[in-house]
């Protein structure tokens, strides 16, 4: 890799590290830690962020398999064109904020020291994105070598069927959480939680807040209905505390996406009791 490659500023690598750590925390039943990683992902990899735009370019390349040389070359051309459209000042700020918050909330280096299996591929993509936007960090020979390596990778037989690759970079994007979290969490998340994590990449900030508000209102309505029918005095005594905790949730707060997962789980539990 080039001397200019900074692991902490490699969007694809950092995302993989977040998913891996969230998976480990969930498997080890460290719910609080898992929510911290999910919170970082939902906050920084949102529809409005430049981070997610760059992340889509990683997927456009690394999620493309078993294509012809012509298509592989076209994917790289599209990625190169799209890389130049990203607001670099905003992207650098977002990367800096993510690094600072990760170090502050998780411990310095805790996230960024996480090992991932496909490090070299992720480093190659990031090095090329940097070179395409600001030529000079790589020599022409190294640039050609990296591009050739990625083309060969995209021409390899996939492990499973992939989406069509002829519709542009956005059509090649794999929804951020759907695949990774289905693979890592399996039965550890409910269907509604997986759907939320699947959709979160493509939410605008306003759409995210509206979704959480709708879930909050629905949860309160279901909780009130359950309370009216509840005969267990112990559960009735806990009602006010639980309801107040939900009622005070601010959909615009930074922790709201993580709390959304708890609300979705509560809804599923209330629905099961109504059956």
C-alpha atoms as a PDB file:
ATOM      1  CA  UNK A   1       0.000   0.000   0.000  1.00  0.00           C
ATOM      2  CA  UNK A   2       1.043   3.599  -0.472  1.00  0.00           C
ATOM      3  CA  UNK A   3       2.688   5.473   2.370  1.00  0.00           C
ATOM      4  CA  UNK A   4      -0.244   7.858   2.312  1.00  0.00           C
ATOM      5  CA  UNK A   5      -2.810   5.224   3.294  1.00  0.00           C
ATOM      6  CA  UNK A   6      -4.361   6.081   6.670  1.00  0.00           C
ATOM      7  CA  UNK A   7      -6.280   3.161   8.183  1.00  0.00           C
ATOM      8  CA  UNK A   8      -8.404   5.416  10.394  1.00  0.00           C
ATOM      9  CA  UNK A   9      -9.578   7.345   7.331  1.00  0.00           C
ATOM     10  CA  UNK A  10     -10.355   4.278   5.229  1.00  0.00           C
ATOM     11  CA  UNK A  11     -14.171   4.357   5.091  1.00  0.00           C
ATOM     12  CA  UNK A  12     -14.586   0.755   3.986  1.00  0.00           C
ATOM     13  CA  UNK A  13     -12.196  -0.529   6.643  1.00  0.00           C
ATOM     14  CA  UNK A  14     -13.757   1.484   9.474  1.00  0.00           C
ATOM     15  CA  UNK A  15     -17.223   0.255   8.524  1.00  0.00           C
ATOM     16  CA  UNK A  16     -16.042  -3.365   8.576  1.00  0.00           C
ATOM     17  CA  UNK A  17     -14.439  -2.768  11.978  1.00  0.00           C
ATOM     18  CA  UNK A  18     -17.683  -1.332  13.361  1.00  0.00           C
ATOM     19  CA  UNK A  19     -19.693  -4.318  12.120  1.00  0.00           C
ATOM     20  CA  UNK A  20     -17.178  -6.815  13.480  1.00  0.00           C
ATOM     21  CA  UNK A  21     -17.070  -5.214  16.918  1.00  0.00           C
ATOM     22  CA  UNK A  22     -20.872  -4.903  17.046  1.00  0.00           C
ATOM     23  CA  UNK A  23     -21.142  -8.579  16.160  1.00  0.00           C
ATOM     24  CA  UNK A  24     -18.648  -9.618  18.839  1.00  0.00           C
ATOM     25  CA  UNK A  25     -20.386  -7.487  21.469  1.00  0.00           C
ATOM     26  CA  UNK A  26     -23.776  -8.964  20.569  1.00  0.00           C
ATOM     27  CA  UNK A  27     -22.471 -12.540  20.610  1.00  0.00           C
ATOM     28  CA  UNK A  28     -20.938 -11.899  24.034  1.00  0.00           C
ATOM     29  CA  UNK A  29     -24.237 -10.324  25.196  1.00  0.00           C
ATOM     30  CA  UNK A  30     -22.636  -6.918  25.790  1.00  0.00           C
ATOM     31  CA  UNK A  31     -25.728  -5.000  24.709  1.00  0.00           C
ATOM     32  CA  UNK A  32     -24.460  -1.575  25.785  1.00  0.00           C
ATOM     33  CA  UNK A  33     -21.254  -1.955  23.780  1.00  0.00           C
ATOM     34  CA  UNK A  34     -23.166  -3.257  20.749  1.00  0.00           C
ATOM     35  CA  UNK A  35     -25.426  -0.200  20.829  1.00  0.00           C
ATOM     36  CA  UNK A  36     -22.372   2.082  20.882  1.00  0.00           C
ATOM     37  CA  UNK A  37     -21.142   0.596  17.606  1.00  0.00           C
ATOM     38  CA  UNK A  38     -24.612   0.645  16.050  1.00  0.00           C
ATOM     39  CA  UNK A  39     -24.948   4.277  17.128  1.00  0.00           C
ATOM     40  CA  UNK A  40     -21.684   5.201  15.363  1.00  0.00           C
ATOM     41  CA  UNK A  41     -22.832   3.504  12.162  1.00  0.00           C
ATOM     42  CA  UNK A  42     -26.294   5.068  12.131  1.00  0.00           C
ATOM     43  CA  UNK A  43     -24.917   8.519  12.943  1.00  0.00           C
ATOM     44  CA  UNK A  44     -22.092   8.700  10.433  1.00  0.00           C
ATOM     45  CA  UNK A  45     -23.202   6.334   7.640  1.00  0.00           C
ATOM     46  CA  UNK A  46     -26.487   8.095   6.901  1.00  0.00           C
ATOM     47  CA  UNK A  47     -28.053   9.017   3.577  1.00  0.00           C
ATOM     48  CA  UNK A  48     -26.950  12.653   3.883  1.00  0.00           C
ATOM     49  CA  UNK A  49     -23.291  11.969   4.672  1.00  0.00           C
ATOM     50  CA  UNK A  50     -20.302  12.056   2.357  1.00  0.00           C
ATOM     51  CA  UNK A  51     -19.040   9.003   4.247  1.00  0.00           C
ATOM     52  CA  UNK A  52     -21.838   6.853   2.872  1.00  0.00           C
ATOM     53  CA  UNK A  53     -21.201   8.178  -0.641  1.00  0.00           C
ATOM     54  CA  UNK A  54     -17.600   6.978  -0.415  1.00  0.00           C
ATOM     55  CA  UNK A  55     -18.709   3.731   1.233  1.00  0.00           C
ATOM     56  CA  UNK A  56     -20.953   3.038  -1.784  1.00  0.00           C
ATOM     57  CA  UNK A  57     -17.887   3.181  -4.010  1.00  0.00           C
ATOM     58  CA  UNK A  58     -16.242   0.444  -1.945  1.00  0.00           C
ATOM     59  CA  UNK A  59     -19.333  -1.717  -2.442  1.00  0.00           C
ATOM     60  CA  UNK A  60     -19.549  -0.869  -6.130  1.00  0.00           C
ATOM     61  CA  UNK A  61     -16.119  -2.409  -6.582  1.00  0.00           C
ATOM     62  CA  UNK A  62     -15.862  -5.129  -3.935  1.00  0.00           C
ATOM     63  CA  UNK A  63     -19.426  -6.446  -4.299  1.00  0.00           C
ATOM     64  CA  UNK A  64     -19.028  -6.895  -8.083  1.00  0.00           C
ATOM     65  CA  UNK A  65     -18.030 -10.395  -9.195  1.00  0.00           C
ATOM     66  CA  UNK A  66     -18.079 -12.677 -12.257  1.00  0.00           C
ATOM     67  CA  UNK A  67     -18.287  -9.908 -14.843  1.00  0.00           C
ATOM     68  CA  UNK A  68     -16.506  -9.382 -18.131  1.00  0.00           C
ATOM     69  CA  UNK A  69     -13.374  -7.295 -18.444  1.00  0.00           C
ATOM     70  CA  UNK A  70     -15.411  -4.607 -20.205  1.00  0.00           C
ATOM     71  CA  UNK A  71     -17.919  -4.367 -17.339  1.00  0.00           C
ATOM     72  CA  UNK A  72     -15.176  -4.415 -14.706  1.00  0.00           C
ATOM     73  CA  UNK A  73     -13.446  -1.556 -16.491  1.00  0.00           C
ATOM     74  CA  UNK A  74     -16.737   0.365 -16.663  1.00  0.00           C
ATOM     75  CA  UNK A  75     -17.336  -0.086 -12.932  1.00  0.00           C
ATOM     76  CA  UNK A  76     -13.920   1.435 -12.211  1.00  0.00           C
ATOM     77  CA  UNK A  77     -14.671   4.322 -14.582  1.00  0.00           C
ATOM     78  CA  UNK A  78     -17.967   5.031 -12.811  1.00  0.00           C
ATOM     79  CA  UNK A  79     -16.327   4.815  -9.406  1.00  0.00           C
ATOM     80  CA  UNK A  80     -13.575   7.174 -10.554  1.00  0.00           C
ATOM     81  CA  UNK A  81     -16.119   9.713 -11.846  1.00  0.00           C
ATOM     82  CA  UNK A  82     -18.236   9.472  -8.691  1.00  0.00           C
ATOM     83  CA  UNK A  83     -15.198   9.818  -6.397  1.00  0.00           C
ATOM     84  CA  UNK A  84     -14.484  13.243  -7.884  1.00  0.00           C
ATOM     85  CA  UNK A  85     -18.030  14.422  -7.083  1.00  0.00           C
ATOM     86  CA  UNK A  86     -17.670  13.884  -3.325  1.00  0.00           C
ATOM     87  CA  UNK A  87     -17.282  17.035  -1.214  1.00  0.00           C
ATOM     88  CA  UNK A  88     -13.787  16.415   0.142  1.00  0.00           C
ATOM     89  CA  UNK A  89     -13.862  19.150   2.786  1.00  0.00           C
ATOM     90  CA  UNK A  90     -17.062  17.718   4.229  1.00  0.00           C
ATOM     91  CA  UNK A  91     -15.786  14.139   3.917  1.00  0.00           C
ATOM     92  CA  UNK A  92     -12.586  15.010   5.805  1.00  0.00           C
ATOM     93  CA  UNK A  93     -14.615  16.684   8.565  1.00  0.00           C
ATOM     94  CA  UNK A  94     -16.914  13.670   8.871  1.00  0.00           C
ATOM     95  CA  UNK A  95     -13.957  11.296   9.050  1.00  0.00           C
ATOM     96  CA  UNK A  96     -12.343  13.432  11.735  1.00  0.00           C
ATOM     97  CA  UNK A  97     -15.537  13.564  13.798  1.00  0.00           C
ATOM     98  CA  UNK A  98     -15.991   9.793  13.522  1.00  0.00           C
ATOM     99  CA  UNK A  99     -12.393   9.140  14.600  1.00  0.00           C
ATOM    100  CA  UNK A 100     -12.680  11.493  17.577  1.00  0.00           C
ATOM    101  CA  UNK A 101     -16.017  10.110  18.753  1.00  0.00           C
ATOM    102  CA  UNK A 102     -14.902   6.504  18.353  1.00  0.00           C
ATOM    103  CA  UNK A 103     -11.790   7.168  20.434  1.00  0.00           C
ATOM    104  CA  UNK A 104     -13.801   9.061  23.044  1.00  0.00           C
ATOM    105  CA  UNK A 105     -16.701   6.627  23.474  1.00  0.00           C
ATOM    106  CA  UNK A 106     -14.908   3.315  22.883  1.00  0.00           C
ATOM    107  CA  UNK A 107     -11.363   4.053  24.021  1.00  0.00           C
ATOM    108  CA  UNK A 108      -8.421   5.282  21.981  1.00  0.00           C
ATOM    109  CA  UNK A 109      -7.587   2.816  19.227  1.00  0.00           C
ATOM    110  CA  UNK A 110     -10.186   0.273  20.404  1.00  0.00           C
ATOM    111  CA  UNK A 111     -12.083   0.365  17.113  1.00  0.00           C
ATOM    112  CA  UNK A 112      -9.230   1.033  14.721  1.00  0.00           C
ATOM    113  CA  UNK A 113      -7.046  -1.840  15.964  1.00  0.00           C
ATOM    114  CA  UNK A 114      -9.714  -4.361  14.944  1.00  0.00           C
ATOM    115  CA  UNK A 115      -8.402  -6.841  12.380  1.00  0.00           C
ATOM    116  CA  UNK A 116     -10.458  -7.585   9.272  1.00  0.00           C
ATOM    117  CA  UNK A 117      -9.842 -10.301   6.719  1.00  0.00           C
ATOM    118  CA  UNK A 118     -10.081  -8.180   3.564  1.00  0.00           C
ATOM    119  CA  UNK A 119      -7.795  -5.373   4.723  1.00  0.00           C
ATOM    120  CA  UNK A 120      -5.610  -5.336   1.614  1.00  0.00           C
ATOM    121  CA  UNK A 121      -8.569  -5.054  -0.760  1.00  0.00           C
ATOM    122  CA  UNK A 122     -10.048  -2.221   1.300  1.00  0.00           C
ATOM    123  CA  UNK A 123      -6.683  -0.451   1.420  1.00  0.00           C
ATOM    124  CA  UNK A 124      -6.302  -0.806  -2.356  1.00  0.00           C
ATOM    125  CA  UNK A 125      -9.711   0.756  -2.999  1.00  0.00           C
ATOM    126  CA  UNK A 126      -9.071   3.663  -0.626  1.00  0.00           C
ATOM    127  CA  UNK A 127      -5.640   4.317  -2.135  1.00  0.00           C
ATOM    128  CA  UNK A 128      -7.180   4.477  -5.610  1.00  0.00           C
ATOM    129  CA  UNK A 129     -10.035   6.751  -4.492  1.00  0.00           C
ATOM    130  CA  UNK A 130      -7.458   9.132  -3.042  1.00  0.00           C
ATOM    131  CA  UNK A 131      -5.348   8.993  -6.200  1.00  0.00           C
ATOM    132  CA  UNK A 132      -8.303   9.499  -8.546  1.00  0.00           C
ATOM    133  CA  UNK A 133      -9.342  12.644  -6.699  1.00  0.00           C
ATOM    134  CA  UNK A 134      -5.873  14.108  -6.226  1.00  0.00           C
ATOM    135  CA  UNK A 135      -3.267  12.490  -8.506  1.00  0.00           C
ATOM    136  CA  UNK A 136       0.243  12.239  -7.129  1.00  0.00           C
ATOM    137  CA  UNK A 137      -0.069  10.003  -4.069  1.00  0.00           C
ATOM    138  CA  UNK A 138       0.612   6.932  -6.242  1.00  0.00           C
ATOM    139  CA  UNK A 139       2.932   6.508  -9.195  1.00  0.00           C
ATOM    140  CA  UNK A 140       1.328   5.772 -12.590  1.00  0.00           C
ATOM    141  CA  UNK A 141       2.721   2.231 -12.414  1.00  0.00           C
ATOM    142  CA  UNK A 142       1.249   1.541  -8.964  1.00  0.00           C
ATOM    143  CA  UNK A 143      -2.079   3.083  -9.985  1.00  0.00           C
ATOM    144  CA  UNK A 144      -2.259   0.801 -13.019  1.00  0.00           C
ATOM    145  CA  UNK A 145      -1.265  -2.191 -10.885  1.00  0.00           C
ATOM    146  CA  UNK A 146      -4.013  -1.546  -8.326  1.00  0.00           C
ATOM    147  CA  UNK A 147      -6.655  -0.961 -10.991  1.00  0.00           C
ATOM    148  CA  UNK A 148      -5.653  -4.205 -12.712  1.00  0.00           C
ATOM    149  CA  UNK A 149      -5.864  -6.109  -9.397  1.00  0.00           C
ATOM    150  CA  UNK A 150      -9.392  -4.824  -8.770  1.00  0.00           C
ATOM    151  CA  UNK A 151     -10.508  -5.640 -12.303  1.00  0.00           C
ATOM    152  CA  UNK A 152      -9.289  -9.225 -11.886  1.00  0.00           C
ATOM    153  CA  UNK A 153     -11.120  -9.413  -8.562  1.00  0.00           C
ATOM    154  CA  UNK A 154     -14.382  -8.263 -10.146  1.00  0.00           C
ATOM    155  CA  UNK A 155     -14.007 -10.847 -12.912  1.00  0.00           C
ATOM    156  CA  UNK A 156     -13.721 -13.728 -10.426  1.00  0.00           C
ATOM    157  CA  UNK A 157     -16.611 -16.149  -9.793  1.00  0.00           C
ATOM    158  CA  UNK A 158     -18.778 -14.878  -6.908  1.00  0.00           C
ATOM    159  CA  UNK A 159     -19.610 -16.898  -3.813  1.00  0.00           C
ATOM    160  CA  UNK A 160     -23.256 -16.027  -4.324  1.00  0.00           C
ATOM    161  CA  UNK A 161     -25.296 -14.166  -6.993  1.00  0.00           C
ATOM    162  CA  UNK A 162     -24.786 -10.410  -7.118  1.00  0.00           C
ATOM    163  CA  UNK A 163     -26.918  -7.578  -8.415  1.00  0.00           C
ATOM    164  CA  UNK A 164     -26.676  -6.418 -12.027  1.00  0.00           C
ATOM    165  CA  UNK A 165     -23.663  -4.233 -12.626  1.00  0.00           C
ATOM    166  CA  UNK A 166     -24.657  -2.197 -15.668  1.00  0.00           C
ATOM    167  CA  UNK A 167     -26.861   0.457 -14.084  1.00  0.00           C
ATOM    168  CA  UNK A 168     -24.286   2.731 -12.462  1.00  0.00           C
ATOM    169  CA  UNK A 169     -22.607   3.011  -9.092  1.00  0.00           C
ATOM    170  CA  UNK A 170     -25.795   3.518  -7.040  1.00  0.00           C
ATOM    171  CA  UNK A 171     -27.387   0.394  -8.503  1.00  0.00           C
ATOM    172  CA  UNK A 172     -24.309  -1.558  -7.429  1.00  0.00           C
ATOM    173  CA  UNK A 173     -24.587  -0.420  -3.793  1.00  0.00           C
ATOM    174  CA  UNK A 174     -25.512  -3.091  -1.274  1.00  0.00           C
ATOM    175  CA  UNK A 175     -27.632  -1.742   1.588  1.00  0.00           C
ATOM    176  CA  UNK A 176     -25.235  -1.268   4.419  1.00  0.00           C
ATOM    177  CA  UNK A 177     -26.591  -3.308   7.273  1.00  0.00           C
ATOM    178  CA  UNK A 178     -28.840  -5.822   5.520  1.00  0.00           C
ATOM    179  CA  UNK A 179     -26.151  -8.189   4.309  1.00  0.00           C
ATOM    180  CA  UNK A 180     -23.522  -7.763   7.028  1.00  0.00           C
ATOM    181  CA  UNK A 181     -25.929  -7.888   9.957  1.00  0.00           C
ATOM    182  CA  UNK A 182     -27.886 -10.833   8.551  1.00  0.00           C
ATOM    183  CA  UNK A 183     -24.603 -12.698   8.264  1.00  0.00           C
ATOM    184  CA  UNK A 184     -23.212 -11.679  11.645  1.00  0.00           C
ATOM    185  CA  UNK A 185     -26.300 -11.512  13.857  1.00  0.00           C
ATOM    186  CA  UNK A 186     -28.485 -14.222  12.302  1.00  0.00           C
ATOM    187  CA  UNK A 187     -31.206 -14.792  14.913  1.00  0.00           C
ATOM    188  CA  UNK A 188     -29.911 -12.230  17.419  1.00  0.00           C
ATOM    189  CA  UNK A 189     -32.021  -9.397  15.961  1.00  0.00           C
ATOM    190  CA  UNK A 190     -35.729  -9.370  15.249  1.00  0.00           C
ATOM    191  CA  UNK A 191     -37.024  -8.928  11.709  1.00  0.00           C
ATOM    192  CA  UNK A 192     -38.119  -5.355  12.435  1.00  0.00           C
ATOM    193  CA  UNK A 193     -34.700  -4.472  13.880  1.00  0.00           C
ATOM    194  CA  UNK A 194     -32.937  -5.899  10.830  1.00  0.00           C
ATOM    195  CA  UNK A 195     -35.236  -3.930   8.530  1.00  0.00           C
ATOM    196  CA  UNK A 196     -34.449  -0.698  10.368  1.00  0.00           C
ATOM    197  CA  UNK A 197     -30.709  -1.340  10.142  1.00  0.00           C
ATOM    198  CA  UNK A 198     -31.125  -2.241   6.482  1.00  0.00           C
ATOM    199  CA  UNK A 199     -32.982   0.980   5.687  1.00  0.00           C
ATOM    200  CA  UNK A 200     -30.916   3.344   7.805  1.00  0.00           C
ATOM    201  CA  UNK A 201     -28.227   3.974   5.180  1.00  0.00           C
ATOM    202  CA  UNK A 202     -30.737   5.507   2.821  1.00  0.00           C
ATOM    203  CA  UNK A 203     -32.600   7.612   5.382  1.00  0.00           C
ATOM    204  CA  UNK A 204     -32.179  11.364   5.350  1.00  0.00           C
ATOM    205  CA  UNK A 205     -31.897  12.918   8.800  1.00  0.00           C
ATOM    206  CA  UNK A 206     -35.557  13.961   8.611  1.00  0.00           C
ATOM    207  CA  UNK A 207     -36.679  10.497   7.477  1.00  0.00           C
ATOM    208  CA  UNK A 208     -34.751   8.928  10.359  1.00  0.00           C
ATOM    209  CA  UNK A 209     -36.396  11.223  12.893  1.00  0.00           C
ATOM    210  CA  UNK A 210     -39.878  10.648  11.448  1.00  0.00           C
ATOM    211  CA  UNK A 211     -39.394   6.878  11.540  1.00  0.00           C
ATOM    212  CA  UNK A 212     -38.332   6.973  15.185  1.00  0.00           C
ATOM    213  CA  UNK A 213     -41.235   9.282  16.053  1.00  0.00           C
ATOM    214  CA  UNK A 214     -43.722   6.928  14.387  1.00  0.00           C
ATOM    215  CA  UNK A 215     -42.269   3.987  16.317  1.00  0.00           C
ATOM    216  CA  UNK A 216     -42.455   5.962  19.558  1.00  0.00           C
ATOM    217  CA  UNK A 217     -46.139   6.803  19.011  1.00  0.00           C
ATOM    218  CA  UNK A 218     -46.962   3.229  18.052  1.00  0.00           C
ATOM    219  CA  UNK A 219     -45.157   1.842  21.106  1.00  0.00           C
ATOM    220  CA  UNK A 220     -46.980   4.188  23.477  1.00  0.00           C
ATOM    221  CA  UNK A 221     -50.328   3.270  21.950  1.00  0.00           C
ATOM    222  CA  UNK A 222     -49.635  -0.453  22.285  1.00  0.00           C
ATOM    223  CA  UNK A 223     -48.286  -0.026  25.796  1.00  0.00           C
ATOM    224  CA  UNK A 224     -51.405   1.890  26.881  1.00  0.00           C
ATOM    225  CA  UNK A 225     -53.599  -0.824  25.417  1.00  0.00           C
ATOM    226  CA  UNK A 226     -51.657  -3.535  27.198  1.00  0.00           C
ATOM    227  CA  UNK A 227     -51.794  -1.630  30.509  1.00  0.00           C
ATOM    228  CA  UNK A 228     -55.585  -1.375  30.344  1.00  0.00           C
ATOM    229  CA  UNK A 229     -55.801  -5.173  30.108  1.00  0.00           C
ATOM    230  CA  UNK A 230     -52.967  -6.068  32.491  1.00  0.00           C
ATOM    231  CA  UNK A 231     -54.011  -7.998  35.621  1.00  0.00           C
ATOM    232  CA  UNK A 232     -50.518  -8.511  37.013  1.00  0.00           C
ATOM    233  CA  UNK A 233     -49.965  -5.879  39.750  1.00  0.00           C
ATOM    234  CA  UNK A 234     -46.180  -6.066  39.409  1.00  0.00           C
ATOM    235  CA  UNK A 235     -46.309  -5.291  35.681  1.00  0.00           C
ATOM    236  CA  UNK A 236     -48.879  -2.555  36.242  1.00  0.00           C
ATOM    237  CA  UNK A 237     -46.549  -0.962  38.773  1.00  0.00           C
ATOM    238  CA  UNK A 238     -43.756  -0.778  36.187  1.00  0.00           C
ATOM    239  CA  UNK A 239     -45.974   0.844  33.587  1.00  0.00           C
ATOM    240  CA  UNK A 240     -45.416   4.501  34.497  1.00  0.00           C
ATOM    241  CA  UNK A 241     -41.634   4.156  34.535  1.00  0.00           C
ATOM    242  CA  UNK A 242     -41.510   2.395  31.164  1.00  0.00           C
ATOM    243  CA  UNK A 243     -44.017   4.776  29.580  1.00  0.00           C
ATOM    244  CA  UNK A 244     -42.189   7.863  30.822  1.00  0.00           C
ATOM    245  CA  UNK A 245     -38.899   6.529  29.463  1.00  0.00           C
ATOM    246  CA  UNK A 246     -40.469   6.141  26.020  1.00  0.00           C
ATOM    247  CA  UNK A 247     -42.435   9.405  26.131  1.00  0.00           C
ATOM    248  CA  UNK A 248     -39.286  11.425  26.844  1.00  0.00           C
ATOM    249  CA  UNK A 249     -37.408   9.982  23.846  1.00  0.00           C
ATOM    250  CA  UNK A 250     -36.317  12.806  21.547  1.00  0.00           C
ATOM    251  CA  UNK A 251     -36.146  11.498  17.941  1.00  0.00           C
ATOM    252  CA  UNK A 252     -33.529  14.162  17.153  1.00  0.00           C
ATOM    253  CA  UNK A 253     -31.114  13.056  19.898  1.00  0.00           C
ATOM    254  CA  UNK A 254     -27.882  11.233  18.964  1.00  0.00           C
ATOM    255  CA  UNK A 255     -28.858   8.109  20.913  1.00  0.00           C
ATOM    256  CA  UNK A 256     -32.330   7.859  19.323  1.00  0.00           C
ATOM    257  CA  UNK A 257     -31.358   5.330  16.578  1.00  0.00           C
ATOM    258  CA  UNK A 258     -29.975   2.906  19.169  1.00  0.00           C
ATOM    259  CA  UNK A 259     -33.077   3.348  21.359  1.00  0.00           C
ATOM    260  CA  UNK A 260     -35.182   2.675  18.258  1.00  0.00           C
ATOM    261  CA  UNK A 261     -33.921  -0.910  18.359  1.00  0.00           C
ATOM    262  CA  UNK A 262     -35.237  -1.288  21.912  1.00  0.00           C
ATOM    263  CA  UNK A 263     -38.636   0.109  20.905  1.00  0.00           C
ATOM    264  CA  UNK A 264     -38.879  -2.320  18.000  1.00  0.00           C
ATOM    265  CA  UNK A 265     -38.092  -5.223  20.303  1.00  0.00           C
ATOM    266  CA  UNK A 266     -40.764  -4.044  22.777  1.00  0.00           C
ATOM    267  CA  UNK A 267     -43.327  -3.809  19.955  1.00  0.00           C
ATOM    268  CA  UNK A 268     -42.531  -7.372  18.909  1.00  0.00           C
ATOM    269  CA  UNK A 269     -42.964  -8.563  22.501  1.00  0.00           C
ATOM    270  CA  UNK A 270     -46.289  -6.735  22.892  1.00  0.00           C
ATOM    271  CA  UNK A 271     -47.545  -8.175  19.613  1.00  0.00           C
ATOM    272  CA  UNK A 272     -46.576 -11.691  20.730  1.00  0.00           C
ATOM    273  CA  UNK A 273     -48.600 -11.256  23.927  1.00  0.00           C
ATOM    274  CA  UNK A 274     -51.636 -10.134  21.931  1.00  0.00           C
ATOM    275  CA  UNK A 275     -51.656 -13.287  19.815  1.00  0.00           C
END
